[in-house]
Amino acid sequence: MTTARDLAIVALDVSPGRSVEQGDLSLALAGAEVLDLVAAGAITVEDDRIVPAPETATGDRLLDEATAALVRREPYETVEDWLWRRGRELATAYVDDLEKVGLTSRPRGRRFPLLSARTVPVDSPTRSAAQERRASGEPVFAALASAAGIEDKGAEFEEDLVGETVTTVLAAVGDAVMELEAVRQRRAIESAAFDNIWRGGV
């Protein structure tokens, strides 16, 4: 399994009382894909830009989609631009794909069988491996999980140990998630202001 798929599974495995924002998860998944593509030899990251290698199959459907979506003309795409472009609705794509391959299910209530509950992972070796990876405290995975809102705080790590590429990607993910949160807060303030004006005018 890839880092991105493991991240998607643990995101679905969080307690019902914990909220994981789809946008944050999508950005973290896009960052995880970058690391998966680096590990697969499909890309390198040079000066914050994603440089594609000759296109080859990775053996993972969504990663192959990611490979096909790479910008293959110089000056290539920055990691940040990739996160926003590839990350659009990416969480939904991973949830749908996990369901297609039988790794998740939508439990149905007894009283209202047509109303499905939230998607949850089924018991499987894949789920167990993802849970073990989360529990291990692996710094890079923990940092992605933290960015996605799955964990409160990622593990500390040193650039010398994880490498410049990983540090660049994780920093870009963190910045993108912070930017998205700033947009949410601004919209919430604007919405509240509009509601106040509306109520005052009624």
C-alpha atoms as a PDB file:
ATOM      1  CA  MET A   1       0.000   0.000   0.000  1.00  0.00           C
ATOM      2  CA  THR A   2       1.036   3.569  -0.596  1.00  0.00           C
ATOM      3  CA  THR A   3       1.409   6.329   1.966  1.00  0.00           C
ATOM      4  CA  ALA A   4      -1.603   8.085   0.447  1.00  0.00           C
ATOM      5  CA  ARG A   5      -3.840   5.010   0.778  1.00  0.00           C
ATOM      6  CA  ASP A   6      -2.672   4.375   4.335  1.00  0.00           C
ATOM      7  CA  LEU A   7      -3.457   8.004   5.149  1.00  0.00           C
ATOM      8  CA  ALA A   8      -6.938   7.720   3.624  1.00  0.00           C
ATOM      9  CA  ILE A   9      -7.658   4.563   5.629  1.00  0.00           C
ATOM     10  CA  VAL A  10      -6.599   6.027   8.971  1.00  0.00           C
ATOM     11  CA  ALA A  11      -8.630   9.154   8.190  1.00  0.00           C
ATOM     12  CA  LEU A  12     -11.721   6.962   7.827  1.00  0.00           C
ATOM     13  CA  ASP A  13     -10.755   5.125  11.007  1.00  0.00           C
ATOM     14  CA  VAL A  14     -10.814   8.140  13.326  1.00  0.00           C
ATOM     15  CA  SER A  15     -13.431   8.233  16.065  1.00  0.00           C
ATOM     16  CA  PRO A  16     -16.825   9.646  15.002  1.00  0.00           C
ATOM     17  CA  GLY A  17     -16.372  12.543  17.391  1.00  0.00           C
ATOM     18  CA  ARG A  18     -13.254  13.787  15.622  1.00  0.00           C
ATOM     19  CA  SER A  19     -13.665  16.032  12.611  1.00  0.00           C
ATOM     20  CA  VAL A  20     -11.343  15.687   9.614  1.00  0.00           C
ATOM     21  CA  GLU A  21     -11.809  18.463   7.068  1.00  0.00           C
ATOM     22  CA  GLN A  22     -12.030  17.125   3.529  1.00  0.00           C
ATOM     23  CA  GLY A  23      -9.900  19.972   2.173  1.00  0.00           C
ATOM     24  CA  ASP A  24      -7.107  19.378   4.687  1.00  0.00           C
ATOM     25  CA  LEU A  25      -7.144  15.650   3.967  1.00  0.00           C
ATOM     26  CA  SER A  26      -7.082  16.264   0.214  1.00  0.00           C
ATOM     27  CA  LEU A  27      -3.998  18.478   0.510  1.00  0.00           C
ATOM     28  CA  ALA A  28      -2.257  15.939   2.745  1.00  0.00           C
ATOM     29  CA  LEU A  29      -3.109  13.146   0.291  1.00  0.00           C
ATOM     30  CA  ALA A  30      -1.662  15.170  -2.584  1.00  0.00           C
ATOM     31  CA  GLY A  31       1.521  15.618  -0.545  1.00  0.00           C
ATOM     32  CA  ALA A  32       1.603  11.904   0.251  1.00  0.00           C
ATOM     33  CA  GLU A  33       1.316  11.180  -3.460  1.00  0.00           C
ATOM     34  CA  VAL A  34       4.396  13.291  -4.126  1.00  0.00           C
ATOM     35  CA  LEU A  35       6.362  11.208  -1.627  1.00  0.00           C
ATOM     36  CA  ASP A  36       4.958   7.976  -3.089  1.00  0.00           C
ATOM     37  CA  LEU A  37       5.942   9.081  -6.602  1.00  0.00           C
ATOM     38  CA  VAL A  38       9.445   9.948  -5.413  1.00  0.00           C
ATOM     39  CA  ALA A  39       9.735   6.500  -3.802  1.00  0.00           C
ATOM     40  CA  ALA A  40       8.522   4.893  -7.040  1.00  0.00           C
ATOM     41  CA  GLY A  41      11.136   6.774  -9.080  1.00  0.00           C
ATOM     42  CA  ALA A  42       8.408   8.539 -11.061  1.00  0.00           C
ATOM     43  CA  ILE A  43       9.553  12.042 -10.070  1.00  0.00           C
ATOM     44  CA  THR A  44      12.249  14.004  -8.316  1.00  0.00           C
ATOM     45  CA  VAL A  45      11.803  17.278  -6.464  1.00  0.00           C
ATOM     46  CA  GLU A  46      14.355  19.894  -7.445  1.00  0.00           C
ATOM     47  CA  ASP A  47      14.256  23.421  -6.049  1.00  0.00           C
ATOM     48  CA  ASP A  48      10.623  22.954  -5.000  1.00  0.00           C
ATOM     49  CA  ARG A  49       9.625  21.792  -8.507  1.00  0.00           C
ATOM     50  CA  ILE A  50       8.317  18.364  -9.461  1.00  0.00           C
ATOM     51  CA  VAL A  51      10.477  16.934 -12.245  1.00  0.00           C
ATOM     52  CA  PRO A  52       8.882  13.887 -13.922  1.00  0.00           C
ATOM     53  CA  ALA A  53      10.822  10.812 -14.987  1.00  0.00           C
ATOM     54  CA  PRO A  54       9.733   8.898 -18.112  1.00  0.00           C
ATOM     55  CA  GLU A  55       6.153   7.797 -17.490  1.00  0.00           C
ATOM     56  CA  THR A  56       5.866   4.259 -16.114  1.00  0.00           C
ATOM     57  CA  ALA A  57       3.120   2.352 -14.307  1.00  0.00           C
ATOM     58  CA  THR A  58       3.343   2.343 -10.513  1.00  0.00           C
ATOM     59  CA  GLY A  59       0.939  -0.536  -9.937  1.00  0.00           C
ATOM     60  CA  ASP A  60      -1.491   1.747  -8.094  1.00  0.00           C
ATOM     61  CA  ARG A  61      -4.463   3.188  -9.987  1.00  0.00           C
ATOM     62  CA  LEU A  62      -4.605   6.566  -8.281  1.00  0.00           C
ATOM     63  CA  LEU A  63      -0.831   6.996  -8.380  1.00  0.00           C
ATOM     64  CA  ASP A  64      -0.920   6.197 -12.095  1.00  0.00           C
ATOM     65  CA  GLU A  65      -3.550   8.928 -12.448  1.00  0.00           C
ATOM     66  CA  ALA A  66      -1.238  11.263 -10.558  1.00  0.00           C
ATOM     67  CA  THR A  67       1.656  10.354 -12.854  1.00  0.00           C
ATOM     68  CA  ALA A  68      -0.469  11.047 -15.924  1.00  0.00           C
ATOM     69  CA  ALA A  69      -1.421  14.447 -14.469  1.00  0.00           C
ATOM     70  CA  LEU A  70       2.171  15.644 -13.998  1.00  0.00           C
ATOM     71  CA  VAL A  71       3.293  18.777 -15.819  1.00  0.00           C
ATOM     72  CA  ARG A  72       6.014  17.575 -18.185  1.00  0.00           C
ATOM     73  CA  ARG A  73       7.186  20.900 -19.571  1.00  0.00           C
ATOM     74  CA  GLU A  74       9.807  23.149 -18.020  1.00  0.00           C
ATOM     75  CA  PRO A  75       9.911  24.967 -15.697  1.00  0.00           C
ATOM     76  CA  TYR A  76       7.626  22.222 -14.313  1.00  0.00           C
ATOM     77  CA  GLU A  77       5.204  22.647 -11.451  1.00  0.00           C
ATOM     78  CA  THR A  78       5.955  23.653  -7.886  1.00  0.00           C
ATOM     79  CA  VAL A  79       4.966  21.336  -5.065  1.00  0.00           C
ATOM     80  CA  GLU A  80       2.565  24.002  -3.807  1.00  0.00           C
ATOM     81  CA  ASP A  81       0.811  24.308  -7.174  1.00  0.00           C
ATOM     82  CA  TRP A  82       0.548  20.516  -7.366  1.00  0.00           C
ATOM     83  CA  LEU A  83      -1.084  20.342  -3.936  1.00  0.00           C
ATOM     84  CA  TRP A  84      -3.827  22.771  -4.925  1.00  0.00           C
ATOM     85  CA  ARG A  85      -4.389  21.310  -8.400  1.00  0.00           C
ATOM     86  CA  ARG A  86      -4.164  17.609  -7.633  1.00  0.00           C
ATOM     87  CA  GLY A  87      -5.713  18.007  -4.188  1.00  0.00           C
ATOM     88  CA  ARG A  88      -9.062  19.178  -5.504  1.00  0.00           C
ATOM     89  CA  GLU A  89     -11.604  16.562  -4.321  1.00  0.00           C
ATOM     90  CA  LEU A  90      -8.768  14.041  -3.848  1.00  0.00           C
ATOM     91  CA  ALA A  91     -10.143  12.786  -0.521  1.00  0.00           C
ATOM     92  CA  THR A  92     -13.366  11.795  -2.265  1.00  0.00           C
ATOM     93  CA  ALA A  93     -11.422  10.003  -4.989  1.00  0.00           C
ATOM     94  CA  TYR A  94      -9.546   7.908  -2.410  1.00  0.00           C
ATOM     95  CA  VAL A  95     -12.689   7.082  -0.426  1.00  0.00           C
ATOM     96  CA  ASP A  96     -14.470   6.001  -3.628  1.00  0.00           C
ATOM     97  CA  ASP A  97     -11.505   3.896  -4.730  1.00  0.00           C
ATOM     98  CA  LEU A  98     -11.176   2.164  -1.363  1.00  0.00           C
ATOM     99  CA  GLU A  99     -14.845   1.272  -1.552  1.00  0.00           C
ATOM    100  CA  LYS A 100     -14.485  -0.072  -5.106  1.00  0.00           C
ATOM    101  CA  VAL A 101     -11.729  -2.476  -4.078  1.00  0.00           C
ATOM    102  CA  GLY A 102     -13.662  -3.663  -1.037  1.00  0.00           C
ATOM    103  CA  LEU A 103     -11.539  -2.049   1.682  1.00  0.00           C
ATOM    104  CA  THR A 104     -14.404   0.047   3.075  1.00  0.00           C
ATOM    105  CA  SER A 105     -18.143  -0.269   3.519  1.00  0.00           C
ATOM    106  CA  ARG A 106     -21.135   1.896   4.323  1.00  0.00           C
ATOM    107  CA  PRO A 107     -23.044   0.292   7.209  1.00  0.00           C
ATOM    108  CA  ARG A 108     -26.810   0.556   6.838  1.00  0.00           C
ATOM    109  CA  GLY A 109     -29.158   1.213   9.704  1.00  0.00           C
ATOM    110  CA  ARG A 110     -31.871  -1.273  10.583  1.00  0.00           C
ATOM    111  CA  ARG A 111     -34.669   1.262  10.691  1.00  0.00           C
ATOM    112  CA  PHE A 112     -33.649   3.151   7.586  1.00  0.00           C
ATOM    113  CA  PRO A 113     -31.704   0.708   5.362  1.00  0.00           C
ATOM    114  CA  LEU A 114     -31.553   3.186   2.489  1.00  0.00           C
ATOM    115  CA  LEU A 115     -29.689   5.735   4.584  1.00  0.00           C
ATOM    116  CA  SER A 116     -26.000   4.843   4.723  1.00  0.00           C
ATOM    117  CA  ALA A 117     -23.732   5.815   7.583  1.00  0.00           C
ATOM    118  CA  ARG A 118     -20.259   7.204   7.009  1.00  0.00           C
ATOM    119  CA  THR A 119     -17.780   5.043   5.119  1.00  0.00           C
ATOM    120  CA  VAL A 120     -15.625   2.900   7.412  1.00  0.00           C
ATOM    121  CA  PRO A 121     -12.712   0.528   6.725  1.00  0.00           C
ATOM    122  CA  VAL A 122     -13.480  -3.183   6.866  1.00  0.00           C
ATOM    123  CA  ASP A 123     -11.271  -5.511   8.883  1.00  0.00           C
ATOM    124  CA  SER A 124      -8.422  -6.466   6.579  1.00  0.00           C
ATOM    125  CA  PRO A 125      -4.628  -6.829   6.542  1.00  0.00           C
ATOM    126  CA  THR A 126      -4.524  -3.462   4.737  1.00  0.00           C
ATOM    127  CA  ARG A 127      -6.402  -1.744   7.559  1.00  0.00           C
ATOM    128  CA  SER A 128      -4.189  -3.406  10.160  1.00  0.00           C
ATOM    129  CA  ALA A 129      -1.032  -2.297   8.331  1.00  0.00           C
ATOM    130  CA  ALA A 130      -2.287   1.291   8.146  1.00  0.00           C
ATOM    131  CA  GLN A 131      -3.167   1.274  11.850  1.00  0.00           C
ATOM    132  CA  GLU A 132       0.255  -0.130  12.711  1.00  0.00           C
ATOM    133  CA  ARG A 133       1.906   2.581  10.660  1.00  0.00           C
ATOM    134  CA  ARG A 134      -0.058   5.232  12.517  1.00  0.00           C
ATOM    135  CA  ALA A 135       0.724   3.682  15.895  1.00  0.00           C
ATOM    136  CA  SER A 136       4.433   3.413  15.083  1.00  0.00           C
ATOM    137  CA  GLY A 137       4.824   7.182  15.229  1.00  0.00           C
ATOM    138  CA  GLU A 138       6.728   7.223  11.929  1.00  0.00           C
ATOM    139  CA  PRO A 139       7.616  10.955  11.730  1.00  0.00           C
ATOM    140  CA  VAL A 140       6.736  11.581   8.072  1.00  0.00           C
ATOM    141  CA  PHE A 141       3.419   9.740   8.265  1.00  0.00           C
ATOM    142  CA  ALA A 142       2.636  11.452  11.576  1.00  0.00           C
ATOM    143  CA  ALA A 143       3.323  14.854  10.013  1.00  0.00           C
ATOM    144  CA  LEU A 144       0.911  14.131   7.150  1.00  0.00           C
ATOM    145  CA  ALA A 145      -1.694  12.810   9.587  1.00  0.00           C
ATOM    146  CA  SER A 146      -1.318  15.963  11.669  1.00  0.00           C
ATOM    147  CA  ALA A 147      -1.756  18.176   8.607  1.00  0.00           C
ATOM    148  CA  ALA A 148      -4.906  16.247   7.698  1.00  0.00           C
ATOM    149  CA  GLY A 149      -6.323  16.725  11.187  1.00  0.00           C
ATOM    150  CA  ILE A 150      -6.077  13.035  12.087  1.00  0.00           C
ATOM    151  CA  GLU A 151      -3.463  13.634  14.796  1.00  0.00           C
ATOM    152  CA  ASP A 152      -3.157  16.628  17.091  1.00  0.00           C
ATOM    153  CA  LYS A 153       0.548  17.053  16.422  1.00  0.00           C
ATOM    154  CA  GLY A 154       3.064  15.344  14.210  1.00  0.00           C
ATOM    155  CA  ALA A 155       6.247  13.791  15.540  1.00  0.00           C
ATOM    156  CA  GLU A 156       9.383  15.878  15.539  1.00  0.00           C
ATOM    157  CA  PHE A 157      11.928  15.065  12.860  1.00  0.00           C
ATOM    158  CA  GLU A 158      15.237  16.402  11.604  1.00  0.00           C
ATOM    159  CA  GLU A 159      15.825  17.347   7.980  1.00  0.00           C
ATOM    160  CA  ASP A 160      19.130  15.482   8.045  1.00  0.00           C
ATOM    161  CA  LEU A 161      17.241  12.270   8.793  1.00  0.00           C
ATOM    162  CA  VAL A 162      14.311  12.567   6.367  1.00  0.00           C
ATOM    163  CA  GLY A 163      16.033  14.459   3.561  1.00  0.00           C
ATOM    164  CA  GLU A 164      15.466  17.744   1.762  1.00  0.00           C
ATOM    165  CA  THR A 165      12.711  16.426  -0.523  1.00  0.00           C
ATOM    166  CA  VAL A 166      10.549  15.166   2.338  1.00  0.00           C
ATOM    167  CA  THR A 167      11.091  18.384   4.278  1.00  0.00           C
ATOM    168  CA  THR A 168      10.115  20.461   1.236  1.00  0.00           C
ATOM    169  CA  VAL A 169       6.920  18.470   0.671  1.00  0.00           C
ATOM    170  CA  LEU A 170       5.859  18.486   4.323  1.00  0.00           C
ATOM    171  CA  ALA A 171       6.490  22.230   4.584  1.00  0.00           C
ATOM    172  CA  ALA A 172       4.382  22.844   1.471  1.00  0.00           C
ATOM    173  CA  VAL A 173       1.546  20.717   2.872  1.00  0.00           C
ATOM    174  CA  GLY A 174       1.663  22.559   6.180  1.00  0.00           C
ATOM    175  CA  ASP A 175       1.605  25.963   4.470  1.00  0.00           C
ATOM    176  CA  ALA A 176      -1.302  24.946   2.206  1.00  0.00           C
ATOM    177  CA  VAL A 177      -3.374  23.665   5.131  1.00  0.00           C
ATOM    178  CA  MET A 178      -2.751  26.907   7.034  1.00  0.00           C
ATOM    179  CA  GLU A 179      -3.776  28.923   3.985  1.00  0.00           C
ATOM    180  CA  LEU A 180      -6.959  26.904   3.624  1.00  0.00           C
ATOM    181  CA  GLU A 181      -7.792  27.443   7.289  1.00  0.00           C
ATOM    182  CA  ALA A 182      -7.282  31.189   6.851  1.00  0.00           C
ATOM    183  CA  VAL A 183      -9.756  31.127   3.961  1.00  0.00           C
ATOM    184  CA  ARG A 184     -12.293  29.254   6.120  1.00  0.00           C
ATOM    185  CA  GLN A 185     -11.930  31.754   8.940  1.00  0.00           C
ATOM    186  CA  ARG A 186     -12.302  34.704   6.574  1.00  0.00           C
ATOM    187  CA  ARG A 187     -15.459  33.208   5.063  1.00  0.00           C
ATOM    188  CA  ALA A 188     -16.869  32.499   8.523  1.00  0.00           C
ATOM    189  CA  ILE A 189     -16.281  36.122   9.553  1.00  0.00           C
ATOM    190  CA  GLU A 190     -17.856  37.408   6.340  1.00  0.00           C
ATOM    191  CA  SER A 191     -20.833  35.090   6.786  1.00  0.00           C
ATOM    192  CA  ALA A 192     -21.313  36.178  10.390  1.00  0.00           C
ATOM    193  CA  ALA A 193     -21.141  39.829   9.368  1.00  0.00           C
ATOM    194  CA  PHE A 194     -23.736  39.244   6.643  1.00  0.00           C
ATOM    195  CA  ASP A 195     -26.035  37.475   9.122  1.00  0.00           C
ATOM    196  CA  ASN A 196     -25.747  40.417  11.518  1.00  0.00           C
ATOM    197  CA  ILE A 197     -26.629  42.874   8.767  1.00  0.00           C
ATOM    198  CA  TRP A 198     -29.542  40.688   7.640  1.00  0.00           C
ATOM    199  CA  ARG A 199     -30.958  40.370  11.148  1.00  0.00           C
ATOM    200  CA  GLY A 200     -30.498  44.095  11.747  1.00  0.00           C
ATOM    201  CA  GLY A 201     -32.424  44.948   8.606  1.00  0.00           C
ATOM    202  CA  VAL A 202     -35.374  42.655   9.302  1.00  0.00           C
END
